[in-house]
Amino acid sequence: MGTPWNRAADRYVSEWVPRFRPYHVDLIEQLALDPGQRVLVTTCGPGTEVLSVARAVGTTGHVRATDMASGMVDVCAASITEAGFTDRVTCAVADAADTSGGPWDAVVCAFGLWQIENRDETIAAWAKALAPGGKLGILISGPPDADDAFESMNEVLRELEPHYPRPKTRILAARDSLQAMLASAELSIVRLTVVRHTMSFRSLEAFVDAMKEGCTWRRIADQLGEERAHRVALRFFEKMGGDPTQPLSFRPPSTIVIAARPGEEVRLEGRPSVRVPRATEV
């Protein structure tokens, strides 16, 4: 039996990739990659950010895209082939801490950090794999926002199913927490930006149905069973105004973090040269 990501791959791509693409594009633009650079993309999922990285490094660059879910890697590889980037991108099933092929001019992790259990060890591996002047680019959901429909679903789940072990996808979105995590790998934040893009659904029902096509909420629905999952949906509709047919539009926040070794000079979007601060200066 495949993992939840393998089973969710096709519907996840159609429901969520277009909605999250702007966030991925923001991350790669702010990372300011150059033609010819070598980039490792971990927890690549269906590969939205991989395509952006491949365009940035050009025909002389190289990208290695990895994910633990073979279904997502297959989707990513198909997208790379369709885009004509097989000359510069390789895809592989691998753990997020696998930095084979380095050193890398950049390591990218978009919306995947919350899945990694051995987070400190993994970030340390990324840091060790960076070439001189290399950068780590991370995209994280959050910080929590009261107007965020994702957060509302989480609140309803906590209310109705307080003993359910809900994964914390909006981990460490605060600067202090992020810097503490990165400092253990001898990295410092050089840029932190909260970005928002509009997500629209024809109805609250459509949003709940779409949520079930993601790995996390598909697993939750399966484990709760139809009756309890339906109860969560009804409470969500009530929380959002009561009419499940009403349209939904919101702007969920996500945090872009770019980190590098203290004292090095790096390039960022709009900044040709930035000295990476010491941890005490962040």
C-alpha atoms as a PDB file:
ATOM      1  CA  MET A   1       0.000   0.000   0.000  1.00  0.00           C
ATOM      2  CA  GLY A   2       1.318   3.447  -0.863  1.00  0.00           C
ATOM      3  CA  THR A   3       1.767   6.297   1.546  1.00  0.00           C
ATOM      4  CA  PRO A   4      -1.007   8.887   1.946  1.00  0.00           C
ATOM      5  CA  TRP A   5       0.937  11.214  -0.353  1.00  0.00           C
ATOM      6  CA  ASN A   6       1.113   8.504  -3.025  1.00  0.00           C
ATOM      7  CA  ARG A   7      -2.644   7.927  -2.855  1.00  0.00           C
ATOM      8  CA  ALA A   8      -3.417  11.644  -2.793  1.00  0.00           C
ATOM      9  CA  ALA A   9      -1.033  12.655  -5.563  1.00  0.00           C
ATOM     10  CA  ASP A  10      -3.409  13.065  -8.530  1.00  0.00           C
ATOM     11  CA  ARG A  11      -6.189  14.957  -6.747  1.00  0.00           C
ATOM     12  CA  TYR A  12      -3.706  16.947  -4.677  1.00  0.00           C
ATOM     13  CA  VAL A  13      -2.107  18.215  -7.891  1.00  0.00           C
ATOM     14  CA  SER A  14      -5.407  19.374  -9.370  1.00  0.00           C
ATOM     15  CA  GLU A  15      -6.790  20.903  -6.173  1.00  0.00           C
ATOM     16  CA  TRP A  16      -3.761  22.475  -4.499  1.00  0.00           C
ATOM     17  CA  VAL A  17      -0.834  22.977  -6.865  1.00  0.00           C
ATOM     18  CA  PRO A  18      -2.409  25.985  -8.651  1.00  0.00           C
ATOM     19  CA  ARG A  19      -3.339  27.556  -5.317  1.00  0.00           C
ATOM     20  CA  PHE A  20       0.108  27.181  -3.756  1.00  0.00           C
ATOM     21  CA  ARG A  21       2.149  27.952  -6.891  1.00  0.00           C
ATOM     22  CA  PRO A  22       2.407  31.716  -6.123  1.00  0.00           C
ATOM     23  CA  TYR A  23       4.010  30.951  -2.753  1.00  0.00           C
ATOM     24  CA  HIS A  24       6.604  28.685  -4.375  1.00  0.00           C
ATOM     25  CA  VAL A  25       7.376  31.332  -6.982  1.00  0.00           C
ATOM     26  CA  ASP A  26       7.849  33.932  -4.235  1.00  0.00           C
ATOM     27  CA  LEU A  27      10.351  31.684  -2.451  1.00  0.00           C
ATOM     28  CA  ILE A  28      12.494  31.062  -5.535  1.00  0.00           C
ATOM     29  CA  GLU A  29      12.406  34.707  -6.589  1.00  0.00           C
ATOM     30  CA  GLN A  30      13.574  35.851  -3.150  1.00  0.00           C
ATOM     31  CA  LEU A  31      16.300  33.183  -3.119  1.00  0.00           C
ATOM     32  CA  ALA A  32      17.824  34.903  -6.198  1.00  0.00           C
ATOM     33  CA  LEU A  33      19.424  31.907  -7.892  1.00  0.00           C
ATOM     34  CA  ASP A  34      21.914  32.391 -10.723  1.00  0.00           C
ATOM     35  CA  PRO A  35      22.343  30.514 -14.033  1.00  0.00           C
ATOM     36  CA  GLY A  36      24.715  27.587 -13.653  1.00  0.00           C
ATOM     37  CA  GLN A  37      24.071  27.012  -9.959  1.00  0.00           C
ATOM     38  CA  ARG A  38      23.435  23.631  -8.364  1.00  0.00           C
ATOM     39  CA  VAL A  39      20.339  23.318  -6.179  1.00  0.00           C
ATOM     40  CA  LEU A  40      18.892  20.547  -3.992  1.00  0.00           C
ATOM     41  CA  VAL A  41      15.100  20.623  -3.596  1.00  0.00           C
ATOM     42  CA  THR A  42      13.945  18.407  -0.732  1.00  0.00           C
ATOM     43  CA  THR A  43      10.366  17.306   0.059  1.00  0.00           C
ATOM     44  CA  CYS A  44       9.661  18.398  -3.524  1.00  0.00           C
ATOM     45  CA  GLY A  45       6.103  17.045  -3.716  1.00  0.00           C
ATOM     46  CA  PRO A  46       4.696  17.479  -7.234  1.00  0.00           C
ATOM     47  CA  GLY A  47       7.585  19.810  -8.085  1.00  0.00           C
ATOM     48  CA  THR A  48       6.111  23.295  -8.393  1.00  0.00           C
ATOM     49  CA  GLU A  49       9.217  24.888  -6.902  1.00  0.00           C
ATOM     50  CA  VAL A  50      11.441  22.539  -8.905  1.00  0.00           C
ATOM     51  CA  LEU A  51      10.193  24.056 -12.149  1.00  0.00           C
ATOM     52  CA  SER A  52      10.938  27.558 -10.853  1.00  0.00           C
ATOM     53  CA  VAL A  53      14.428  26.513  -9.761  1.00  0.00           C
ATOM     54  CA  ALA A  54      15.101  24.845 -13.116  1.00  0.00           C
ATOM     55  CA  ARG A  55      14.183  28.030 -14.965  1.00  0.00           C
ATOM     56  CA  ALA A  56      16.429  30.090 -12.692  1.00  0.00           C
ATOM     57  CA  VAL A  57      19.582  27.941 -13.034  1.00  0.00           C
ATOM     58  CA  GLY A  58      19.174  27.511 -16.805  1.00  0.00           C
ATOM     59  CA  THR A  59      20.717  24.919 -19.060  1.00  0.00           C
ATOM     60  CA  THR A  60      24.101  25.090 -17.322  1.00  0.00           C
ATOM     61  CA  GLY A  61      22.684  24.496 -13.852  1.00  0.00           C
ATOM     62  CA  HIS A  62      21.654  21.305 -12.081  1.00  0.00           C
ATOM     63  CA  VAL A  63      18.718  20.493  -9.792  1.00  0.00           C
ATOM     64  CA  ARG A  64      18.204  17.394  -7.668  1.00  0.00           C
ATOM     65  CA  ALA A  65      14.577  16.966  -6.543  1.00  0.00           C
ATOM     66  CA  THR A  66      13.784  14.452  -3.790  1.00  0.00           C
ATOM     67  CA  ASP A  67      10.775  13.274  -1.812  1.00  0.00           C
ATOM     68  CA  MET A  68       9.957  10.246   0.315  1.00  0.00           C
ATOM     69  CA  ALA A  69       6.672   9.631  -1.558  1.00  0.00           C
ATOM     70  CA  SER A  70       7.256   7.838  -4.851  1.00  0.00           C
ATOM     71  CA  GLY A  71       3.879   9.029  -6.149  1.00  0.00           C
ATOM     72  CA  MET A  72       4.880  12.665  -5.741  1.00  0.00           C
ATOM     73  CA  VAL A  73       8.307  12.034  -7.293  1.00  0.00           C
ATOM     74  CA  ASP A  74       6.579  10.469 -10.306  1.00  0.00           C
ATOM     75  CA  VAL A  75       4.363  13.556 -10.681  1.00  0.00           C
ATOM     76  CA  CYS A  76       7.403  15.809 -10.362  1.00  0.00           C
ATOM     77  CA  ALA A  77       9.355  13.843 -12.962  1.00  0.00           C
ATOM     78  CA  ALA A  78       6.430  14.011 -15.393  1.00  0.00           C
ATOM     79  CA  SER A  79       6.240  17.786 -14.955  1.00  0.00           C
ATOM     80  CA  ILE A  80       9.975  18.104 -15.580  1.00  0.00           C
ATOM     81  CA  THR A  81       9.696  16.054 -18.762  1.00  0.00           C
ATOM     82  CA  GLU A  82       6.724  18.073 -20.000  1.00  0.00           C
ATOM     83  CA  ALA A  83       8.614  21.323 -19.377  1.00  0.00           C
ATOM     84  CA  GLY A  84      11.677  20.043 -21.239  1.00  0.00           C
ATOM     85  CA  PHE A  85      14.003  20.300 -18.237  1.00  0.00           C
ATOM     86  CA  THR A  86      15.330  16.739 -18.126  1.00  0.00           C
ATOM     87  CA  ASP A  87      18.748  18.077 -19.133  1.00  0.00           C
ATOM     88  CA  ARG A  88      19.097  19.890 -15.806  1.00  0.00           C
ATOM     89  CA  VAL A  89      16.854  18.079 -13.271  1.00  0.00           C
ATOM     90  CA  THR A  90      17.088  14.641 -11.684  1.00  0.00           C
ATOM     91  CA  CYS A  91      14.301  13.259  -9.464  1.00  0.00           C
ATOM     92  CA  ALA A  92      14.728  10.625  -6.783  1.00  0.00           C
ATOM     93  CA  VAL A  93      12.946   9.021  -3.860  1.00  0.00           C
ATOM     94  CA  ALA A  94      15.073  10.000  -0.873  1.00  0.00           C
ATOM     95  CA  ASP A  95      14.962  11.176   2.720  1.00  0.00           C
ATOM     96  CA  ALA A  96      15.010  14.937   3.255  1.00  0.00           C
ATOM     97  CA  ALA A  97      18.438  14.676   4.939  1.00  0.00           C
ATOM     98  CA  ASP A  98      19.965  13.011   1.861  1.00  0.00           C
ATOM     99  CA  THR A  99      22.257  15.663   0.362  1.00  0.00           C
ATOM    100  CA  SER A 100      23.949  13.383  -2.166  1.00  0.00           C
ATOM    101  CA  GLY A 101      25.563  15.201  -5.068  1.00  0.00           C
ATOM    102  CA  GLY A 102      26.611  18.252  -3.083  1.00  0.00           C
ATOM    103  CA  PRO A 103      27.956  20.729  -2.352  1.00  0.00           C
ATOM    104  CA  TRP A 104      24.919  22.812  -3.323  1.00  0.00           C
ATOM    105  CA  ASP A 105      24.596  26.519  -4.004  1.00  0.00           C
ATOM    106  CA  ALA A 106      21.138  26.340  -2.437  1.00  0.00           C
ATOM    107  CA  VAL A 107      18.932  23.874  -0.568  1.00  0.00           C
ATOM    108  CA  VAL A 108      15.162  24.402  -0.858  1.00  0.00           C
ATOM    109  CA  CYS A 109      12.386  23.031   1.350  1.00  0.00           C
ATOM    110  CA  ALA A 110       8.881  24.318   0.571  1.00  0.00           C
ATOM    111  CA  PHE A 111       6.050  23.351   2.949  1.00  0.00           C
ATOM    112  CA  GLY A 112       7.904  20.201   3.971  1.00  0.00           C
ATOM    113  CA  LEU A 113       9.636  21.060   7.230  1.00  0.00           C
ATOM    114  CA  TRP A 114       6.664  20.049   9.414  1.00  0.00           C
ATOM    115  CA  GLN A 115       6.846  16.483   8.022  1.00  0.00           C
ATOM    116  CA  ILE A 116      10.448  15.987   9.142  1.00  0.00           C
ATOM    117  CA  GLU A 117      10.788  14.329  12.541  1.00  0.00           C
ATOM    118  CA  ASN A 118      14.582  14.610  12.923  1.00  0.00           C
ATOM    119  CA  ARG A 119      14.450  18.311  12.071  1.00  0.00           C
ATOM    120  CA  ASP A 120      17.678  19.461  13.740  1.00  0.00           C
ATOM    121  CA  GLU A 121      19.735  16.672  12.170  1.00  0.00           C
ATOM    122  CA  THR A 122      18.213  17.326   8.749  1.00  0.00           C
ATOM    123  CA  ILE A 123      18.884  21.074   8.814  1.00  0.00           C
ATOM    124  CA  ALA A 124      22.444  20.372   9.972  1.00  0.00           C
ATOM    125  CA  ALA A 125      22.904  18.066   6.963  1.00  0.00           C
ATOM    126  CA  TRP A 126      21.595  20.800   4.650  1.00  0.00           C
ATOM    127  CA  ALA A 127      23.976  23.333   6.174  1.00  0.00           C
ATOM    128  CA  LYS A 128      26.999  21.051   5.766  1.00  0.00           C
ATOM    129  CA  ALA A 129      26.065  20.472   2.111  1.00  0.00           C
ATOM    130  CA  LEU A 130      26.048  24.180   1.207  1.00  0.00           C
ATOM    131  CA  ALA A 131      28.833  25.478  -0.999  1.00  0.00           C
ATOM    132  CA  PRO A 132      30.610  28.717   0.050  1.00  0.00           C
ATOM    133  CA  GLY A 133      28.022  31.488  -0.202  1.00  0.00           C
ATOM    134  CA  GLY A 134      25.242  28.908  -0.339  1.00  0.00           C
ATOM    135  CA  LYS A 135      21.724  29.616   0.886  1.00  0.00           C
ATOM    136  CA  LEU A 136      18.931  27.647   2.538  1.00  0.00           C
ATOM    137  CA  GLY A 137      15.420  28.598   1.429  1.00  0.00           C
ATOM    138  CA  ILE A 138      12.460  27.425   3.511  1.00  0.00           C
ATOM    139  CA  LEU A 139       8.732  28.031   3.052  1.00  0.00           C
ATOM    140  CA  ILE A 140       6.491  27.432   6.081  1.00  0.00           C
ATOM    141  CA  SER A 141       2.744  27.746   6.578  1.00  0.00           C
ATOM    142  CA  GLY A 142       1.815  30.435   9.070  1.00  0.00           C
ATOM    143  CA  PRO A 143       1.954  32.307  11.317  1.00  0.00           C
ATOM    144  CA  PRO A 144      -1.553  31.376  12.524  1.00  0.00           C
ATOM    145  CA  ASP A 145      -4.233  33.816  11.409  1.00  0.00           C
ATOM    146  CA  ALA A 146      -7.801  34.001  12.721  1.00  0.00           C
ATOM    147  CA  ASP A 147      -9.117  34.665   9.196  1.00  0.00           C
ATOM    148  CA  ASP A 148      -7.317  31.642   7.740  1.00  0.00           C
ATOM    149  CA  ALA A 149      -9.757  28.855   6.798  1.00  0.00           C
ATOM    150  CA  PHE A 150      -7.013  26.273   7.340  1.00  0.00           C
ATOM    151  CA  GLU A 151      -6.616  27.506  10.889  1.00  0.00           C
ATOM    152  CA  SER A 152     -10.401  27.425  11.380  1.00  0.00           C
ATOM    153  CA  MET A 153     -10.467  23.764  10.372  1.00  0.00           C
ATOM    154  CA  ASN A 154      -7.670  23.067  12.847  1.00  0.00           C
ATOM    155  CA  GLU A 155      -9.568  24.853  15.621  1.00  0.00           C
ATOM    156  CA  VAL A 156     -12.716  22.826  14.937  1.00  0.00           C
ATOM    157  CA  LEU A 157     -10.715  19.603  15.024  1.00  0.00           C
ATOM    158  CA  ARG A 158      -9.140  20.578  18.353  1.00  0.00           C
ATOM    159  CA  GLU A 159     -12.586  21.466  19.703  1.00  0.00           C
ATOM    160  CA  LEU A 160     -14.419  18.304  18.639  1.00  0.00           C
ATOM    161  CA  GLU A 161     -11.536  15.827  18.703  1.00  0.00           C
ATOM    162  CA  PRO A 162      -9.231  17.093  21.478  1.00  0.00           C
ATOM    163  CA  HIS A 163      -7.390  13.784  21.741  1.00  0.00           C
ATOM    164  CA  TYR A 164      -6.634  13.498  18.032  1.00  0.00           C
ATOM    165  CA  PRO A 165      -2.855  13.923  17.447  1.00  0.00           C
ATOM    166  CA  ARG A 166      -3.080  16.810  14.973  1.00  0.00           C
ATOM    167  CA  PRO A 167       0.272  17.526  13.236  1.00  0.00           C
ATOM    168  CA  LYS A 168       1.521  21.069  13.753  1.00  0.00           C
ATOM    169  CA  THR A 169       1.995  22.272  10.178  1.00  0.00           C
ATOM    170  CA  ARG A 170       2.479  25.897  11.230  1.00  0.00           C
ATOM    171  CA  ILE A 171       5.569  25.126  13.241  1.00  0.00           C
ATOM    172  CA  LEU A 172       8.127  27.675  14.301  1.00  0.00           C
ATOM    173  CA  ALA A 173       6.811  30.521  12.158  1.00  0.00           C
ATOM    174  CA  ALA A 174       8.114  33.125  14.627  1.00  0.00           C
ATOM    175  CA  ARG A 175      11.538  34.644  13.926  1.00  0.00           C
ATOM    176  CA  ASP A 176      12.979  33.743  17.350  1.00  0.00           C
ATOM    177  CA  SER A 177      11.943  30.095  17.050  1.00  0.00           C
ATOM    178  CA  LEU A 178      13.252  29.832  13.497  1.00  0.00           C
ATOM    179  CA  GLN A 179      16.582  31.427  14.374  1.00  0.00           C
ATOM    180  CA  ALA A 180      17.031  29.116  17.360  1.00  0.00           C
ATOM    181  CA  MET A 181      16.429  26.111  15.115  1.00  0.00           C
ATOM    182  CA  LEU A 182      18.829  27.368  12.438  1.00  0.00           C
ATOM    183  CA  ALA A 183      21.512  28.385  14.931  1.00  0.00           C
ATOM    184  CA  SER A 184      21.964  24.742  15.938  1.00  0.00           C
ATOM    185  CA  ALA A 185      23.138  24.184  12.357  1.00  0.00           C
ATOM    186  CA  GLU A 186      25.357  27.297  12.476  1.00  0.00           C
ATOM    187  CA  LEU A 187      23.093  29.245  10.120  1.00  0.00           C
ATOM    188  CA  SER A 188      21.553  32.703  10.486  1.00  0.00           C
ATOM    189  CA  ILE A 189      18.450  34.244   8.967  1.00  0.00           C
ATOM    190  CA  VAL A 190      19.271  36.744   6.262  1.00  0.00           C
ATOM    191  CA  ARG A 191      15.669  37.391   5.195  1.00  0.00           C
ATOM    192  CA  LEU A 192      12.243  36.553   6.644  1.00  0.00           C
ATOM    193  CA  THR A 193       9.096  37.539   4.772  1.00  0.00           C
ATOM    194  CA  VAL A 194       5.411  36.756   5.352  1.00  0.00           C
ATOM    195  CA  VAL A 195       3.566  36.429   2.039  1.00  0.00           C
ATOM    196  CA  ARG A 196      -0.142  36.043   1.251  1.00  0.00           C
ATOM    197  CA  HIS A 197      -2.065  35.046  -1.864  1.00  0.00           C
ATOM    198  CA  THR A 198      -5.797  34.733  -2.393  1.00  0.00           C
ATOM    199  CA  MET A 199      -7.337  31.259  -2.443  1.00  0.00           C
ATOM    200  CA  SER A 200     -10.930  30.970  -3.682  1.00  0.00           C
ATOM    201  CA  PHE A 201     -13.441  28.121  -3.574  1.00  0.00           C
ATOM    202  CA  ARG A 202     -16.935  28.030  -5.018  1.00  0.00           C
ATOM    203  CA  SER A 203     -18.303  27.011  -1.606  1.00  0.00           C
ATOM    204  CA  LEU A 204     -17.365  25.973   1.916  1.00  0.00           C
ATOM    205  CA  GLU A 205     -18.296  22.427   0.905  1.00  0.00           C
ATOM    206  CA  ALA A 206     -15.822  22.588  -1.983  1.00  0.00           C
ATOM    207  CA  PHE A 207     -13.106  23.708   0.423  1.00  0.00           C
ATOM    208  CA  VAL A 208     -13.766  20.791   2.791  1.00  0.00           C
ATOM    209  CA  ASP A 209     -13.782  18.351  -0.142  1.00  0.00           C
ATOM    210  CA  ALA A 210     -10.478  19.803  -1.361  1.00  0.00           C
ATOM    211  CA  MET A 211      -8.963  19.487   2.110  1.00  0.00           C
ATOM    212  CA  LYS A 212      -9.669  15.766   2.018  1.00  0.00           C
ATOM    213  CA  GLU A 213      -7.466  15.494  -1.086  1.00  0.00           C
ATOM    214  CA  GLY A 214      -4.396  16.573   0.851  1.00  0.00           C
ATOM    215  CA  CYS A 215      -2.314  14.011   2.707  1.00  0.00           C
ATOM    216  CA  THR A 216      -2.971  15.320   6.221  1.00  0.00           C
ATOM    217  CA  TRP A 217      -6.741  15.763   6.097  1.00  0.00           C
ATOM    218  CA  ARG A 218      -7.241  12.614   4.030  1.00  0.00           C
ATOM    219  CA  ARG A 219      -5.527  10.681   6.812  1.00  0.00           C
ATOM    220  CA  ILE A 220      -7.603  12.500   9.444  1.00  0.00           C
ATOM    221  CA  ALA A 221     -10.865  11.720   7.627  1.00  0.00           C
ATOM    222  CA  ASP A 222      -9.885   8.069   7.238  1.00  0.00           C
ATOM    223  CA  GLN A 223      -8.996   7.714  10.914  1.00  0.00           C
ATOM    224  CA  LEU A 224     -12.003   9.572  12.277  1.00  0.00           C
ATOM    225  CA  GLY A 225     -14.484   7.714  10.112  1.00  0.00           C
ATOM    226  CA  GLU A 226     -17.336   9.162   8.066  1.00  0.00           C
ATOM    227  CA  GLU A 227     -19.615  10.146  10.962  1.00  0.00           C
ATOM    228  CA  ARG A 228     -17.011  12.015  13.018  1.00  0.00           C
ATOM    229  CA  ALA A 229     -15.439  13.636   9.957  1.00  0.00           C
ATOM    230  CA  HIS A 230     -18.890  14.851   8.887  1.00  0.00           C
ATOM    231  CA  ARG A 231     -19.402  16.313  12.361  1.00  0.00           C
ATOM    232  CA  VAL A 232     -16.150  18.294  11.968  1.00  0.00           C
ATOM    233  CA  ALA A 233     -17.329  19.584   8.589  1.00  0.00           C
ATOM    234  CA  LEU A 234     -20.702  20.697   9.977  1.00  0.00           C
ATOM    235  CA  ARG A 235     -19.017  22.562  12.837  1.00  0.00           C
ATOM    236  CA  PHE A 236     -16.694  24.251  10.348  1.00  0.00           C
ATOM    237  CA  PHE A 237     -19.664  25.406   8.259  1.00  0.00           C
ATOM    238  CA  GLU A 238     -21.265  26.800  11.405  1.00  0.00           C
ATOM    239  CA  LYS A 239     -18.061  28.586  12.399  1.00  0.00           C
ATOM    240  CA  MET A 240     -17.784  30.162   8.936  1.00  0.00           C
ATOM    241  CA  GLY A 241     -21.351  31.500   8.846  1.00  0.00           C
ATOM    242  CA  GLY A 242     -23.612  28.465   8.617  1.00  0.00           C
ATOM    243  CA  ASP A 243     -24.229  28.176   4.860  1.00  0.00           C
ATOM    244  CA  PRO A 244     -22.109  25.408   3.291  1.00  0.00           C
ATOM    245  CA  THR A 245     -22.914  26.700  -0.210  1.00  0.00           C
ATOM    246  CA  GLN A 246     -21.462  30.177   0.388  1.00  0.00           C
ATOM    247  CA  PRO A 247     -18.262  30.976  -1.522  1.00  0.00           C
ATOM    248  CA  LEU A 248     -14.975  31.116   0.323  1.00  0.00           C
ATOM    249  CA  SER A 249     -12.032  33.410  -0.340  1.00  0.00           C
ATOM    250  CA  PHE A 250      -9.115  34.015   2.036  1.00  0.00           C
ATOM    251  CA  ARG A 251      -5.415  34.934   2.042  1.00  0.00           C
ATOM    252  CA  PRO A 252      -3.467  32.404   4.124  1.00  0.00           C
ATOM    253  CA  PRO A 253      -0.063  33.608   5.357  1.00  0.00           C
ATOM    254  CA  SER A 254       3.155  31.717   4.732  1.00  0.00           C
ATOM    255  CA  THR A 255       6.667  32.566   5.860  1.00  0.00           C
ATOM    256  CA  ILE A 256       9.721  32.604   3.610  1.00  0.00           C
ATOM    257  CA  VAL A 257      13.020  32.131   5.431  1.00  0.00           C
ATOM    258  CA  ILE A 258      16.419  32.463   3.784  1.00  0.00           C
ATOM    259  CA  ALA A 259      19.444  31.495   5.864  1.00  0.00           C
ATOM    260  CA  ALA A 260      23.180  31.154   5.294  1.00  0.00           C
ATOM    261  CA  ARG A 261      26.450  30.933   7.199  1.00  0.00           C
ATOM    262  CA  PRO A 262      27.193  33.957   9.390  1.00  0.00           C
ATOM    263  CA  GLY A 263      29.707  36.352   7.922  1.00  0.00           C
ATOM    264  CA  GLU A 264      29.301  35.221   4.321  1.00  0.00           C
ATOM    265  CA  GLU A 265      28.104  37.487   1.513  1.00  0.00           C
ATOM    266  CA  VAL A 266      25.019  36.320  -0.380  1.00  0.00           C
ATOM    267  CA  ARG A 267      22.740  37.704  -3.065  1.00  0.00           C
ATOM    268  CA  LEU A 268      19.003  38.108  -2.518  1.00  0.00           C
ATOM    269  CA  GLU A 269      16.206  39.467  -4.663  1.00  0.00           C
ATOM    270  CA  GLY A 270      16.833  43.205  -4.944  1.00  0.00           C
ATOM    271  CA  ARG A 271      20.089  42.974  -2.953  1.00  0.00           C
ATOM    272  CA  PRO A 272      23.267  42.134  -4.934  1.00  0.00           C
ATOM    273  CA  SER A 273      25.325  41.619  -1.767  1.00  0.00           C
ATOM    274  CA  VAL A 274      24.170  41.053   1.810  1.00  0.00           C
ATOM    275  CA  ARG A 275      26.381  40.086   4.739  1.00  0.00           C
ATOM    276  CA  VAL A 276      24.811  37.278   6.719  1.00  0.00           C
ATOM    277  CA  PRO A 277      24.437  38.422  10.348  1.00  0.00           C
ATOM    278  CA  ARG A 278      25.656  36.560  13.394  1.00  0.00           C
ATOM    279  CA  ALA A 279      22.886  34.870  15.380  1.00  0.00           C
ATOM    280  CA  THR A 280      23.152  37.573  18.034  1.00  0.00           C
ATOM    281  CA  GLU A 281      22.486  40.241  15.387  1.00  0.00           C
ATOM    282  CA  VAL A 282      19.278  38.670  14.028  1.00  0.00           C
END
